[in-house]
Amino acid sequence: MDWDELRGLRDAELKRVDVYQGVILYNSLTTRRKNQVAKYRQALLDLPQEYDDPQDALENFPKKPTWMK
């Protein structure tokens, strides 16, 4: 795995997370779930900066909240 592949995986997951950032869906979430979405999204954004090796980053890929599709 290289950085471009990892970023592709991350970017695809960010698109899935961004669905929950839409106003109507976001407003229907509990405060706890809003916080989980924010934390997960930030972990995805931080992933390339947290690791020196793309394989290490992949092995530590953030886990999405279990309630998210």
Protein backbone atom coordinates (compact mmCIF):
# COMPACT_ATOMS: atom_id res chain seq x y z
CA MET A 1 0.00 0.00 0.00
CA ASP A 2 1.22 3.49 -0.78
CA TRP A 3 0.05 6.92 0.37
CA ASP A 4 -2.12 7.48 -2.70
CA GLU A 5 -4.03 4.25 -2.07
CA LEU A 6 -4.45 5.09 1.60
CA ARG A 7 -5.69 8.57 0.81
CA GLY A 8 -8.16 7.05 -1.66
CA LEU A 9 -9.57 4.82 1.10
CA ARG A 10 -9.66 7.73 3.50
CA ASP A 11 -11.32 10.06 1.00
CA ALA A 12 -14.02 7.49 0.23
CA GLU A 13 -14.74 7.15 3.95
CA LEU A 14 -14.83 10.94 4.34
CA LYS A 15 -17.56 11.07 1.68
CA ARG A 16 -19.58 8.57 3.70
CA VAL A 17 -19.08 10.59 6.88
CA ASP A 18 -20.02 13.84 5.17
CA VAL A 19 -23.52 12.47 4.58
CA TYR A 20 -24.00 12.86 8.34
CA GLN A 21 -22.86 16.48 8.14
CA GLY A 22 -25.93 17.43 6.07
CA VAL A 23 -28.18 19.77 8.02
CA ILE A 24 -31.29 17.59 8.17
CA LEU A 25 -29.53 14.37 9.11
CA TYR A 26 -27.06 16.13 11.42
CA ASN A 27 -29.88 17.83 13.34
CA SER A 28 -31.53 14.46 13.90
CA LEU A 29 -28.44 13.04 15.62
CA THR A 30 -28.01 13.02 19.37
CA THR A 31 -25.23 15.12 20.85
CA ARG A 32 -23.28 11.93 21.51
CA ARG A 33 -23.52 10.85 17.87
CA LYS A 34 -22.62 14.34 16.63
CA ASN A 35 -19.48 14.15 18.77
CA GLN A 36 -18.68 10.66 17.44
CA VAL A 37 -19.02 11.86 13.84
CA ALA A 38 -16.77 14.85 14.52
CA LYS A 39 -14.14 12.74 16.26
CA TYR A 40 -14.15 10.07 13.54
CA ARG A 41 -13.94 12.64 10.74
CA GLN A 42 -11.05 14.42 12.41
CA ALA A 43 -9.21 11.11 12.91
CA LEU A 44 -9.59 10.42 9.18
CA LEU A 45 -8.24 13.86 8.33
CA ASP A 46 -5.29 13.45 10.69
CA LEU A 47 -4.36 9.96 9.51
CA PRO A 48 -1.64 10.89 6.96
CA GLN A 49 0.08 13.20 9.44
CA GLU A 50 0.06 10.67 12.29
CA TYR A 51 2.17 7.98 10.63
CA ASP A 52 5.41 7.87 8.66
CA ASP A 53 4.49 4.71 6.77
CA PRO A 54 1.24 4.09 4.85
CA GLN A 55 1.07 0.50 6.06
CA ASP A 56 1.20 1.69 9.69
CA ALA A 57 -1.54 4.18 8.89
CA LEU A 58 -3.68 1.44 7.34
CA GLU A 59 -3.19 -0.81 10.36
CA ASN A 60 -4.37 2.06 12.58
CA PHE A 61 -7.19 3.23 10.31
CA PRO A 62 -9.85 4.86 12.52
CA LYS A 63 -12.84 2.71 13.40
CA LYS A 64 -16.14 4.28 12.52
CA PRO A 65 -18.94 4.33 15.09
CA THR A 66 -20.90 1.09 14.95
CA TRP A 67 -24.19 2.87 14.22
CA MET A 68 -22.83 4.47 11.03
CA LYS A 69 -23.57 2.70 7.74
